[in-house]
Full PDB file with SEQRES, HELIX, SHEET, SSBOND, CRYST1, ORIGX, SCALE, CONECT and MASTER records, all heavy atoms in Angstrom:
SEQRES   1 A   40  LEU ALA PHE GLU PRO GLU ARG LEU ASP VAL TRP GLY ASP          
SEQRES   2 A   40  VAL GLY GLY MET THR HIS TYR HIS LEU ARG GLU PHE LEU          
SEQRES   3 A   40  ARG GLY LEU CYS ASN HIS ALA GLY ILE THR LEU HIS VAL          
SEQRES   4 A   40  ARG                                                          
HELIX    1 AA1 GLU A    4  ARG A    7  5                                   4    
HELIX    2 AA2 HIS A   19  ALA A   33  1                                  15    
SHEET    1 AA1 2 ALA A   2  PHE A   3  0                                        
SHEET    2 AA1 2 HIS A  38  VAL A  39  1                                        
CRYST1    1.000    1.000    1.000  90.00  90.00  90.00 P 1           1          
ORIGX1      1.000000  0.000000  0.000000        0.00000                         
ORIGX2      0.000000  1.000000  0.000000        0.00000                         
ORIGX3      0.000000  0.000000  1.000000        0.00000                         
SCALE1      1.000000  0.000000  0.000000        0.00000                         
SCALE2      0.000000  1.000000  0.000000        0.00000                         
SCALE3      0.000000  0.000000  1.000000        0.00000                         
ATOM      1  N   LEU A   1      94.640 125.455 104.148  1.00  0.00           N  
ATOM      2  CA  LEU A   1      94.345 124.444 103.145  1.00  0.00           C  
ATOM      3  C   LEU A   1      94.838 123.088 103.627  1.00  0.00           C  
ATOM      4  O   LEU A   1      96.023 122.917 103.923  1.00  0.00           O  
ATOM      5  CB  LEU A   1      95.028 124.782 101.809  1.00  0.00           C  
ATOM      6  CG  LEU A   1      94.917 123.705 100.716  1.00  0.00           C  
ATOM      7  CD1 LEU A   1      93.469 123.475 100.306  1.00  0.00           C  
ATOM      8  CD2 LEU A   1      95.771 124.086  99.503  1.00  0.00           C  
ATOM      9  N   ALA A   2      93.928 122.132 103.708  1.00  0.00           N  
ATOM     10  CA  ALA A   2      94.264 120.729 103.947  1.00  0.00           C  
ATOM     11  C   ALA A   2      93.927 119.989 102.659  1.00  0.00           C  
ATOM     12  O   ALA A   2      92.748 119.877 102.293  1.00  0.00           O  
ATOM     13  CB  ALA A   2      93.471 120.177 105.119  1.00  0.00           C  
ATOM     14  N   PHE A   3      94.951 119.511 101.976  1.00  0.00           N  
ATOM     15  CA  PHE A   3      94.791 118.964 100.624  1.00  0.00           C  
ATOM     16  C   PHE A   3      95.231 117.511 100.616  1.00  0.00           C  
ATOM     17  O   PHE A   3      96.406 117.188 100.440  1.00  0.00           O  
ATOM     18  CB  PHE A   3      95.610 119.799  99.634  1.00  0.00           C  
ATOM     19  CG  PHE A   3      95.415 119.432  98.190  1.00  0.00           C  
ATOM     20  CD1 PHE A   3      94.273 119.820  97.512  1.00  0.00           C  
ATOM     21  CD2 PHE A   3      96.398 118.723  97.508  1.00  0.00           C  
ATOM     22  CE1 PHE A   3      94.104 119.496  96.171  1.00  0.00           C  
ATOM     23  CE2 PHE A   3      96.234 118.398  96.166  1.00  0.00           C  
ATOM     24  CZ  PHE A   3      95.076 118.781  95.493  1.00  0.00           C  
ATOM     25  N   GLU A   4      94.292 116.598 100.828  1.00  0.00           N  
ATOM     26  CA  GLU A   4      94.610 115.185 100.965  1.00  0.00           C  
ATOM     27  C   GLU A   4      95.168 114.522  99.701  1.00  0.00           C  
ATOM     28  O   GLU A   4      96.016 113.630  99.807  1.00  0.00           O  
ATOM     29  CB  GLU A   4      93.357 114.422 101.422  1.00  0.00           C  
ATOM     30  CG  GLU A   4      93.596 112.955 101.679  1.00  0.00           C  
ATOM     31  CD  GLU A   4      92.331 112.247 102.126  1.00  0.00           C  
ATOM     32  OE1 GLU A   4      92.028 112.290 103.326  1.00  0.00           O  
ATOM     33  OE2 GLU A   4      91.652 111.672 101.265  1.00  0.00           O  
ATOM     34  N   PRO A   5      94.725 114.923  98.492  1.00  0.00           N  
ATOM     35  CA  PRO A   5      95.234 114.210  97.304  1.00  0.00           C  
ATOM     36  C   PRO A   5      96.748 114.205  97.159  1.00  0.00           C  
ATOM     37  O   PRO A   5      97.297 113.316  96.500  1.00  0.00           O  
ATOM     38  CB  PRO A   5      94.571 114.970  96.142  1.00  0.00           C  
ATOM     39  CG  PRO A   5      93.294 115.481  96.725  1.00  0.00           C  
ATOM     40  CD  PRO A   5      93.647 115.855  98.145  1.00  0.00           C  
ATOM     41  N   GLU A   6      97.462 115.165  97.763  1.00  0.00           N  
ATOM     42  CA  GLU A   6      98.912 115.186  97.597  1.00  0.00           C  
ATOM     43  C   GLU A   6      99.581 113.996  98.293  1.00  0.00           C  
ATOM     44  O   GLU A   6     100.729 113.684  98.008  1.00  0.00           O  
ATOM     45  CB  GLU A   6      99.503 116.496  98.105  1.00  0.00           C  
ATOM     46  CG  GLU A   6      99.501 116.685  99.604  1.00  0.00           C  
ATOM     47  CD  GLU A   6     100.105 118.031 100.004  1.00  0.00           C  
ATOM     48  OE1 GLU A   6     100.852 118.612  99.203  1.00  0.00           O  
ATOM     49  OE2 GLU A   6      99.819 118.486 101.108  1.00  0.00           O  
ATOM     50  N   ARG A   7      98.865 113.325  99.196  1.00  0.00           N  
ATOM     51  CA  ARG A   7      99.440 112.169  99.883  1.00  0.00           C  
ATOM     52  C   ARG A   7      99.102 110.852  99.185  1.00  0.00           C  
ATOM     53  O   ARG A   7      99.509 109.793  99.646  1.00  0.00           O  
ATOM     54  CB  ARG A   7      98.913 112.120 101.326  1.00  0.00           C  
ATOM     55  CG  ARG A   7      99.242 113.336 102.160  1.00  0.00           C  
ATOM     56  CD  ARG A   7      99.061 113.055 103.648  1.00  0.00           C  
ATOM     57  NE  ARG A   7      97.764 112.496 103.962  1.00  0.00           N  
ATOM     58  CZ  ARG A   7      96.691 113.227 104.278  1.00  0.00           C  
ATOM     59  NH1 ARG A   7      96.766 114.540 104.286  1.00  0.00           N  
ATOM     60  NH2 ARG A   7      95.553 112.635 104.573  1.00  0.00           N  
ATOM     61  N   LEU A   8      98.335 110.943  98.108  1.00  0.00           N  
ATOM     62  CA  LEU A   8      97.846 109.742  97.455  1.00  0.00           C  
ATOM     63  C   LEU A   8      98.518 109.542  96.097  1.00  0.00           C  
ATOM     64  O   LEU A   8      99.196 110.425  95.582  1.00  0.00           O  
ATOM     65  CB  LEU A   8      96.326 109.824  97.296  1.00  0.00           C  
ATOM     66  CG  LEU A   8      95.557 110.055  98.609  1.00  0.00           C  
ATOM     67  CD1 LEU A   8      94.073 110.223  98.316  1.00  0.00           C  
ATOM     68  CD2 LEU A   8      95.801 108.919  99.584  1.00  0.00           C  
ATOM     69  N   ASP A   9      98.278 108.387  95.513  1.00  0.00           N  
ATOM     70  CA  ASP A   9      98.886 108.030  94.229  1.00  0.00           C  
ATOM     71  C   ASP A   9      97.978 108.494  93.090  1.00  0.00           C  
ATOM     72  O   ASP A   9      97.220 107.722  92.519  1.00  0.00           O  
ATOM     73  CB  ASP A   9      99.097 106.522  94.178  1.00  0.00           C  
ATOM     74  CG  ASP A   9      99.769 106.077  92.889  1.00  0.00           C  
ATOM     75  OD1 ASP A   9     100.415 106.927  92.249  1.00  0.00           O  
ATOM     76  OD2 ASP A   9      99.634 104.890  92.535  1.00  0.00           O  
ATOM     77  N   VAL A  10      98.052 109.785  92.794  1.00  0.00           N  
ATOM     78  CA  VAL A  10      97.302 110.349  91.666  1.00  0.00           C  
ATOM     79  C   VAL A  10      98.254 110.447  90.492  1.00  0.00           C  
ATOM     80  O   VAL A  10      99.327 111.030  90.604  1.00  0.00           O  
ATOM     81  CB  VAL A  10      96.738 111.745  92.022  1.00  0.00           C  
ATOM     82  CG1 VAL A  10      96.010 112.344  90.817  1.00  0.00           C  
ATOM     83  CG2 VAL A  10      95.807 111.657  93.223  1.00  0.00           C  
ATOM     84  N   TRP A  11      97.848 109.889  89.354  1.00  0.00           N  
ATOM     85  CA  TRP A  11      98.781 109.851  88.233  1.00  0.00           C  
ATOM     86  C   TRP A  11      98.243 110.614  87.023  1.00  0.00           C  
ATOM     87  O   TRP A  11      97.052 110.804  86.871  1.00  0.00           O  
ATOM     88  CB  TRP A  11      99.112 108.413  87.850  1.00  0.00           C  
ATOM     89  CG  TRP A  11      97.935 107.501  87.714  1.00  0.00           C  
ATOM     90  CD1 TRP A  11      97.401 106.701  88.680  1.00  0.00           C  
ATOM     91  CD2 TRP A  11      97.136 107.288  86.553  1.00  0.00           C  
ATOM     92  NE1 TRP A  11      96.327 106.006  88.192  1.00  0.00           N  
ATOM     93  CE2 TRP A  11      96.138 106.352  86.889  1.00  0.00           C  
ATOM     94  CE3 TRP A  11      97.159 107.805  85.261  1.00  0.00           C  
ATOM     95  CZ2 TRP A  11      95.171 105.907  85.978  1.00  0.00           C  
ATOM     96  CZ3 TRP A  11      96.192 107.378  84.352  1.00  0.00           C  
ATOM     97  CH2 TRP A  11      95.226 106.435  84.714  1.00  0.00           C  
ATOM     98  N   GLY A  12      99.191 111.079  86.216  1.00  0.00           N  
ATOM     99  CA  GLY A  12      98.860 111.726  84.961  1.00  0.00           C  
ATOM    100  C   GLY A  12      98.800 113.237  85.075  1.00  0.00           C  
ATOM    101  O   GLY A  12      98.973 113.827  86.143  1.00  0.00           O  
ATOM    102  N   ASP A  13      98.566 113.877  83.931  1.00  0.00           N  
ATOM    103  CA  ASP A  13      98.413 115.321  83.863  1.00  0.00           C  
ATOM    104  C   ASP A  13      97.455 115.641  82.729  1.00  0.00           C  
ATOM    105  O   ASP A  13      97.148 114.780  81.905  1.00  0.00           O  
ATOM    106  CB  ASP A  13      99.764 116.025  83.654  1.00  0.00           C  
ATOM    107  CG  ASP A  13     100.333 115.755  82.276  1.00  0.00           C  
ATOM    108  OD1 ASP A  13     101.055 114.746  82.110  1.00  0.00           O  
ATOM    109  OD2 ASP A  13     100.047 116.549  81.362  1.00  0.00           O  
ATOM    110  N   VAL A  14      96.971 116.873  82.718  1.00  0.00           N  
ATOM    111  CA  VAL A  14      96.074 117.325  81.654  1.00  0.00           C  
ATOM    112  C   VAL A  14      96.688 118.591  81.076  1.00  0.00           C  
ATOM    113  O   VAL A  14      96.654 119.652  81.707  1.00  0.00           O  
ATOM    114  CB  VAL A  14      94.654 117.614  82.186  1.00  0.00           C  
ATOM    115  CG1 VAL A  14      93.691 117.804  81.021  1.00  0.00           C  
ATOM    116  CG2 VAL A  14      94.167 116.500  83.104  1.00  0.00           C  
ATOM    117  N   GLY A  15      97.299 118.480  79.921  1.00  0.00           N  
ATOM    118  CA  GLY A  15      97.984 119.626  79.326  1.00  0.00           C  
ATOM    119  C   GLY A  15      99.101 120.149  80.209  1.00  0.00           C  
ATOM    120  O   GLY A  15      99.378 121.344  80.230  1.00  0.00           O  
ATOM    121  N   GLY A  16      99.733 119.246  80.948  1.00  0.00           N  
ATOM    122  CA  GLY A  16     100.803 119.635  81.862  1.00  0.00           C  
ATOM    123  C   GLY A  16     100.316 119.989  83.251  1.00  0.00           C  
ATOM    124  O   GLY A  16     101.124 120.194  84.160  1.00  0.00           O  
ATOM    125  N   MET A  17      99.009 120.054  83.454  1.00  0.00           N  
ATOM    126  CA  MET A  17      98.459 120.405  84.766  1.00  0.00           C  
ATOM    127  C   MET A  17      98.197 119.144  85.577  1.00  0.00           C  
ATOM    128  O   MET A  17      97.522 118.220  85.111  1.00  0.00           O  
ATOM    129  CB  MET A  17      97.165 121.202  84.586  1.00  0.00           C  
ATOM    130  CG  MET A  17      96.569 121.709  85.882  1.00  0.00           C  
ATOM    131  SD  MET A  17      95.149 122.806  85.564  1.00  0.00           S  
ATOM    132  CE  MET A  17      94.501 122.961  87.232  1.00  0.00           C  
ATOM    133  N   THR A  18      98.758 119.099  86.789  1.00  0.00           N  
ATOM    134  CA  THR A  18      98.589 117.950  87.673  1.00  0.00           C  
ATOM    135  C   THR A  18      97.821 118.367  88.925  1.00  0.00           C  
ATOM    136  O   THR A  18      97.473 119.526  89.107  1.00  0.00           O  
ATOM    137  CB  THR A  18      99.960 117.399  88.107  1.00  0.00           C  
ATOM    138  OG1 THR A  18     100.568 118.349  89.007  1.00  0.00           O  
ATOM    139  CG2 THR A  18     100.878 117.154  86.916  1.00  0.00           C  
ATOM    140  N   HIS A  19      97.591 117.388  89.808  1.00  0.00           N  
ATOM    141  CA  HIS A  19      96.899 117.709  91.069  1.00  0.00           C  
ATOM    142  C   HIS A  19      97.762 118.614  91.942  1.00  0.00           C  
ATOM    143  O   HIS A  19      97.235 119.329  92.788  1.00  0.00           O  
ATOM    144  CB  HIS A  19      96.492 116.439  91.813  1.00  0.00           C  
ATOM    145  CG  HIS A  19      97.613 115.577  92.292  1.00  0.00           C  
ATOM    146  ND1 HIS A  19      98.520 114.972  91.445  1.00  0.00           N  
ATOM    147  CD2 HIS A  19      97.988 115.222  93.547  1.00  0.00           C  
ATOM    148  CE1 HIS A  19      99.380 114.265  92.150  1.00  0.00           C  
ATOM    149  NE2 HIS A  19      99.095 114.406  93.426  1.00  0.00           N  
ATOM    150  N   TYR A  20      99.056 118.638  91.730  1.00  0.00           N  
ATOM    151  CA  TYR A  20      99.909 119.576  92.472  1.00  0.00           C  
ATOM    152  C   TYR A  20      99.650 121.019  92.035  1.00  0.00           C  
ATOM    153  O   TYR A  20      99.692 121.936  92.862  1.00  0.00           O  
ATOM    154  CB  TYR A  20     101.385 119.219  92.293  1.00  0.00           C  
ATOM    155  CG  TYR A  20     101.763 117.924  92.967  1.00  0.00           C  
ATOM    156  CD1 TYR A  20     102.090 116.796  92.229  1.00  0.00           C  
ATOM    157  CD2 TYR A  20     101.770 117.829  94.364  1.00  0.00           C  
ATOM    158  CE1 TYR A  20     102.415 115.602  92.856  1.00  0.00           C  
ATOM    159  CE2 TYR A  20     102.097 116.638  94.996  1.00  0.00           C  
ATOM    160  CZ  TYR A  20     102.415 115.536  94.238  1.00  0.00           C  
ATOM    161  OH  TYR A  20     102.731 114.352  94.870  1.00  0.00           O  
ATOM    162  N   HIS A  21      99.375 121.223  90.752  1.00  0.00           N  
ATOM    163  CA  HIS A  21      99.004 122.556  90.305  1.00  0.00           C  
ATOM    164  C   HIS A  21      97.657 122.963  90.912  1.00  0.00           C  
ATOM    165  O   HIS A  21      97.465 124.125  91.288  1.00  0.00           O  
ATOM    166  CB  HIS A  21      98.940 122.624  88.778  1.00  0.00           C  
ATOM    167  CG  HIS A  21     100.262 122.379  88.119  1.00  0.00           C  
ATOM    168  ND1 HIS A  21     100.563 121.215  87.463  1.00  0.00           N  
ATOM    169  CD2 HIS A  21     101.370 123.155  88.043  1.00  0.00           C  
ATOM    170  CE1 HIS A  21     101.802 121.271  86.996  1.00  0.00           C  
ATOM    171  NE2 HIS A  21     102.317 122.438  87.339  1.00  0.00           N  
ATOM    172  N   LEU A  22      96.740 122.012  91.003  1.00  0.00           N  
ATOM    173  CA  LEU A  22      95.462 122.297  91.666  1.00  0.00           C  
ATOM    174  C   LEU A  22      95.699 122.733  93.106  1.00  0.00           C  
ATOM    175  O   LEU A  22      95.073 123.688  93.582  1.00  0.00           O  
ATOM    176  CB  LEU A  22      94.565 121.054  91.634  1.00  0.00           C  
ATOM    177  CG  LEU A  22      93.260 121.164  92.419  1.00  0.00           C  
ATOM    178  CD1 LEU A  22      92.346 122.240  91.839  1.00  0.00           C  
ATOM    179  CD2 LEU A  22      92.557 119.811  92.459  1.00  0.00           C  
ATOM    180  N   ARG A  23      96.605 122.062  93.789  1.00  0.00           N  
ATOM    181  CA  ARG A  23      96.923 122.447  95.165  1.00  0.00           C  
ATOM    182  C   ARG A  23      97.394 123.894  95.236  1.00  0.00           C  
ATOM    183  O   ARG A  23      96.969 124.660  96.112  1.00  0.00           O  
ATOM    184  CB  ARG A  23      98.015 121.529  95.727  1.00  0.00           C  
ATOM    185  CG  ARG A  23      98.453 121.879  97.144  1.00  0.00           C  
ATOM    186  CD  ARG A  23      99.751 121.162  97.506  1.00  0.00           C  
ATOM    187  NE  ARG A  23     100.835 121.581  96.622  1.00  0.00           N  
ATOM    188  CZ  ARG A  23     102.008 120.939  96.524  1.00  0.00           C  
ATOM    189  NH1 ARG A  23     102.237 119.856  97.242  1.00  0.00           N  
ATOM    190  NH2 ARG A  23     102.945 121.386  95.712  1.00  0.00           N  
ATOM    191  N   GLU A  24      98.241 124.313  94.306  1.00  0.00           N  
ATOM    192  CA  GLU A  24      98.744 125.685  94.326  1.00  0.00           C  
ATOM    193  C   GLU A  24      97.648 126.692  93.972  1.00  0.00           C  
ATOM    194  O   GLU A  24      97.616 127.802  94.518  1.00  0.00           O  
ATOM    195  CB  GLU A  24      99.937 125.822  93.388  1.00  0.00           C  
ATOM    196  CG  GLU A  24     101.144 125.019  93.849  1.00  0.00           C  
ATOM    197  CD  GLU A  24     101.484 125.278  95.313  1.00  0.00           C  
ATOM    198  OE1 GLU A  24     101.760 126.450  95.659  1.00  0.00           O  
ATOM    199  OE2 GLU A  24     101.455 124.326  96.114  1.00  0.00           O  
ATOM    200  N   PHE A  25      96.754 126.323  93.070  1.00  0.00           N  
ATOM    201  CA  PHE A  25      95.588 127.164  92.773  1.00  0.00           C  
ATOM    202  C   PHE A  25      94.762 127.373  94.040  1.00  0.00           C  
ATOM    203  O   PHE A  25      94.385 128.497  94.377  1.00  0.00           O  
ATOM    204  CB  PHE A  25      94.747 126.496  91.681  1.00  0.00           C  
ATOM    205  CG  PHE A  25      93.424 127.166  91.433  1.00  0.00           C  
ATOM    206  CD1 PHE A  25      93.324 128.218  90.544  1.00  0.00           C  
ATOM    207  CD2 PHE A  25      92.272 126.725  92.075  1.00  0.00           C  
ATOM    208  CE1 PHE A  25      92.097 128.834  90.295  1.00  0.00           C  
ATOM    209  CE2 PHE A  25      91.048 127.334  91.848  1.00  0.00           C  
ATOM    210  CZ  PHE A  25      90.964 128.392  90.957  1.00  0.00           C  
ATOM    211  N   LEU A  26      94.490 126.281  94.745  1.00  0.00           N  
ATOM    212  CA  LEU A  26      93.669 126.362  95.953  1.00  0.00           C  
ATOM    213  C   LEU A  26      94.394 127.108  97.074  1.00  0.00           C  
ATOM    214  O   LEU A  26      93.759 127.848  97.838  1.00  0.00           O  
ATOM    215  CB  LEU A  26      93.282 124.957  96.422  1.00  0.00           C  
ATOM    216  CG  LEU A  26      92.393 124.167  95.458  1.00  0.00           C  
ATOM    217  CD1 LEU A  26      92.186 122.751  95.975  1.00  0.00           C  
ATOM    218  CD2 LEU A  26      91.055 124.866  95.237  1.00  0.00           C  
ATOM    219  N   ARG A  27      95.699 126.943  97.167  1.00  0.00           N  
ATOM    220  CA  ARG A  27      96.463 127.665  98.183  1.00  0.00           C  
ATOM    221  C   ARG A  27      96.365 129.179  97.951  1.00  0.00           C  
ATOM    222  O   ARG A  27      96.136 129.962  98.870  1.00  0.00           O  
ATOM    223  CB  ARG A  27      97.924 127.220  98.171  1.00  0.00           C  
ATOM    224  CG  ARG A  27      98.715 127.719  99.383  1.00  0.00           C  
ATOM    225  CD  ARG A  27     100.216 127.509  99.225  1.00  0.00           C  
ATOM    226  NE  ARG A  27     100.595 126.194  98.767  1.00  0.00           N  
ATOM    227  CZ  ARG A  27     100.757 125.134  99.560  1.00  0.00           C  
ATOM    228  NH1 ARG A  27     100.529 125.240 100.852  1.00  0.00           N  
ATOM    229  NH2 ARG A  27     101.150 123.986  99.055  1.00  0.00           N  
ATOM    230  N   GLY A  28      96.529 129.587  96.692  1.00  0.00           N  
ATOM    231  CA  GLY A  28      96.392 131.007  96.369  1.00  0.00           C  
ATOM    232  C   GLY A  28      95.002 131.520  96.674  1.00  0.00           C  
ATOM    233  O   GLY A  28      94.834 132.610  97.231  1.00  0.00           O  
ATOM    234  N   LEU A  29      93.980 130.742  96.316  1.00  0.00           N  
ATOM    235  CA  LEU A  29      92.594 131.114  96.590  1.00  0.00           C  
ATOM    236  C   LEU A  29      92.357 131.277  98.084  1.00  0.00           C  
ATOM    237  O   LEU A  29      91.811 132.294  98.533  1.00  0.00           O  
ATOM    238  CB  LEU A  29      91.664 130.051  96.011  1.00  0.00           C  
ATOM    239  CG  LEU A  29      90.171 130.241  96.273  1.00  0.00           C  
ATOM    240  CD1 LEU A  29      89.636 131.439  95.511  1.00  0.00           C  
ATOM    241  CD2 LEU A  29      89.410 128.973  95.890  1.00  0.00           C  
ATOM    242  N   CYS A  30      92.773 130.299  98.865  1.00  0.00           N  
ATOM    243  CA  CYS A  30      92.563 130.340 100.322  1.00  0.00           C  
ATOM    244  C   CYS A  30      93.293 131.509 100.970  1.00  0.00           C  
ATOM    245  O   CYS A  30      92.720 132.240 101.784  1.00  0.00           O  
ATOM    246  CB  CYS A  30      93.040 129.039 100.957  1.00  0.00           C  
ATOM    247  SG  CYS A  30      92.019 127.614 100.574  1.00  0.00           S  
ATOM    248  N   ASN A  31      94.551 131.697 100.608  1.00  0.00           N  
ATOM    249  CA  ASN A  31      95.357 132.743 101.233  1.00  0.00           C  
ATOM    250  C   ASN A  31      94.796 134.130 100.981  1.00  0.00           C  
ATOM    251  O   ASN A  31      94.889 135.004 101.849  1.00  0.00           O  
ATOM    252  CB  ASN A  31      96.804 132.670 100.739  1.00  0.00           C  
ATOM    253  CG  ASN A  31      97.572 131.512 101.331  1.00  0.00           C  
ATOM    254  OD1 ASN A  31      97.157 130.919 102.329  1.00  0.00           O  
ATOM    255  ND2 ASN A  31      98.682 131.157 100.711  1.00  0.00           N  
ATOM    256  N   HIS A  32      94.224 134.340  99.807  1.00  0.00           N  
ATOM    257  CA  HIS A  32      93.802 135.693  99.451  1.00  0.00           C  
ATOM    258  C   HIS A  32      92.311 135.941  99.635  1.00  0.00           C  
ATOM    259  O   HIS A  32      91.884 137.100  99.647  1.00  0.00           O  
ATOM    260  CB  HIS A  32      94.259 136.002  98.027  1.00  0.00           C  
ATOM    261  CG  HIS A  32      95.748 136.123  97.935  1.00  0.00           C  
ATOM    262  ND1 HIS A  32      96.404 137.322  98.106  1.00  0.00           N  
ATOM    263  CD2 HIS A  32      96.716 135.186  97.758  1.00  0.00           C  
ATOM    264  CE1 HIS A  32      97.708 137.122  98.016  1.00  0.00           C  
ATOM    265  NE2 HIS A  32      97.925 135.839  97.805  1.00  0.00           N  
ATOM    266  N   ALA A  33      91.526 134.880  99.818  1.00  0.00           N  
ATOM    267  CA  ALA A  33      90.100 135.057 100.115  1.00  0.00           C  
ATOM    268  C   ALA A  33      89.803 134.831 101.589  1.00  0.00           C  
ATOM    269  O   ALA A  33      88.709 135.144 102.046  1.00  0.00           O  
ATOM    270  CB  ALA A  33      89.257 134.112  99.260  1.00  0.00           C  
ATOM    271  N   GLY A  34      90.757 134.287 102.339  1.00  0.00           N  
ATOM    272  CA  GLY A  34      90.517 133.994 103.741  1.00  0.00           C  
ATOM    273  C   GLY A  34      89.574 132.818 103.908  1.00  0.00           C  
ATOM    274  O   GLY A  34      88.536 132.908 104.563  1.00  0.00           O  
ATOM    275  N   ILE A  35      89.942 131.679 103.315  1.00  0.00           N  
ATOM    276  CA  ILE A  35      89.112 130.474 103.351  1.00  0.00           C  
ATOM    277  C   ILE A  35      89.846 129.361 104.089  1.00  0.00           C  
ATOM    278  O   ILE A  35      91.033 129.126 103.859  1.00  0.00           O  
ATOM    279  CB  ILE A  35      88.793 129.975 101.929  1.00  0.00           C  
ATOM    280  CG1 ILE A  35      88.054 131.043 101.129  1.00  0.00           C  
ATOM    281  CG2 ILE A  35      87.975 128.684 101.966  1.00  0.00           C  
ATOM    282  CD1 ILE A  35      87.851 130.663  99.667  1.00  0.00           C  
ATOM    283  N   THR A  36      89.137 128.685 104.971  1.00  0.00           N  
ATOM    284  CA  THR A  36      89.606 127.411 105.503  1.00  0.00           C  
ATOM    285  C   THR A  36      89.007 126.335 104.614  1.00  0.00           C  
ATOM    286  O   THR A  36      87.777 126.246 104.469  1.00  0.00           O  
ATOM    287  CB  THR A  36      89.143 127.207 106.956  1.00  0.00           C  
ATOM    288  OG1 THR A  36      89.767 128.200 107.774  1.00  0.00           O  
ATOM    289  CG2 THR A  36      89.527 125.826 107.461  1.00  0.00           C  
ATOM    290  N   LEU A  37      89.859 125.512 103.996  1.00  0.00           N  
ATOM    291  CA  LEU A  37      89.416 124.564 102.974  1.00  0.00           C  
ATOM    292  C   LEU A  37      90.021 123.192 103.219  1.00  0.00           C  
ATOM    293  O   LEU A  37      91.241 123.062 103.369  1.00  0.00           O  
ATOM    294  CB  LEU A  37      89.837 125.080 101.588  1.00  0.00           C  
ATOM    295  CG  LEU A  37      89.495 124.229 100.374  1.00  0.00           C  
ATOM    296  CD1 LEU A  37      88.001 124.108 100.192  1.00  0.00           C  
ATOM    297  CD2 LEU A  37      90.137 124.826  99.123  1.00  0.00           C  
ATOM    298  N   HIS A  38      89.157 122.199 103.269  1.00  0.00           N  
ATOM    299  CA  HIS A  38      89.591 120.808 103.388  1.00  0.00           C  
ATOM    300  C   HIS A  38      89.151 120.052 102.140  1.00  0.00           C  
ATOM    301  O   HIS A  38      87.967 120.068 101.790  1.00  0.00           O  
ATOM    302  CB  HIS A  38      88.990 120.150 104.636  1.00  0.00           C  
ATOM    303  CG  HIS A  38      89.596 120.656 105.900  1.00  0.00           C  
ATOM    304  ND1 HIS A  38      90.503 119.924 106.638  1.00  0.00           N  
ATOM    305  CD2 HIS A  38      89.437 121.827 106.555  1.00  0.00           C  
ATOM    306  CE1 HIS A  38      90.878 120.619 107.701  1.00  0.00           C  
ATOM    307  NE2 HIS A  38      90.243 121.779 107.675  1.00  0.00           N  
ATOM    308  N   VAL A  39      90.111 119.419 101.484  1.00  0.00           N  
ATOM    309  CA  VAL A  39      89.851 118.654 100.267  1.00  0.00           C  
ATOM    310  C   VAL A  39      90.216 117.201 100.527  1.00  0.00           C  
ATOM    311  O   VAL A  39      91.371 116.895 100.853  1.00  0.00           O  
ATOM    312  CB  VAL A  39      90.681 119.188  99.079  1.00  0.00           C  
ATOM    313  CG1 VAL A  39      90.429 118.350  97.826  1.00  0.00           C  
ATOM    314  CG2 VAL A  39      90.355 120.647  98.817  1.00  0.00           C  
ATOM    315  N   ARG A  40      89.225 116.324 100.397  1.00  0.00           N  
ATOM    316  CA  ARG A  40      89.448 114.885 100.606  1.00  0.00           C  
ATOM    317  C   ARG A  40      89.150 114.147  99.312  1.00  0.00           C  
ATOM    318  O   ARG A  40      88.173 114.445  98.634  1.00  0.00           O  
ATOM    319  CB  ARG A  40      88.527 114.363 101.706  1.00  0.00           C  
ATOM    320  CG  ARG A  40      88.731 115.026 103.055  1.00  0.00           C  
ATOM    321  CD  ARG A  40      87.603 114.677 104.011  1.00  0.00           C  
ATOM    322  NE  ARG A  40      87.561 113.251 104.272  1.00  0.00           N  
ATOM    323  CZ  ARG A  40      86.417 112.563 104.454  1.00  0.00           C  
ATOM    324  NH1 ARG A  40      85.255 113.171 104.372  1.00  0.00           N  
ATOM    325  NH2 ARG A  40      86.460 111.277 104.716  1.00  0.00           N  
TER     326      ARG A  40                                                      
MASTER        0    0    0    2    2    0    0    6  325    1    0    4          
END                                                                             
């Protein structure tokens, strides 16, 4: 997983969910499905 948004100034949350939670969702998805994923 290459997750570019974590290096940027993304602000706010939605019901407590932030872009960092999205990163962890995608990390779990990639690790268990065997996906190479780039998010820009």
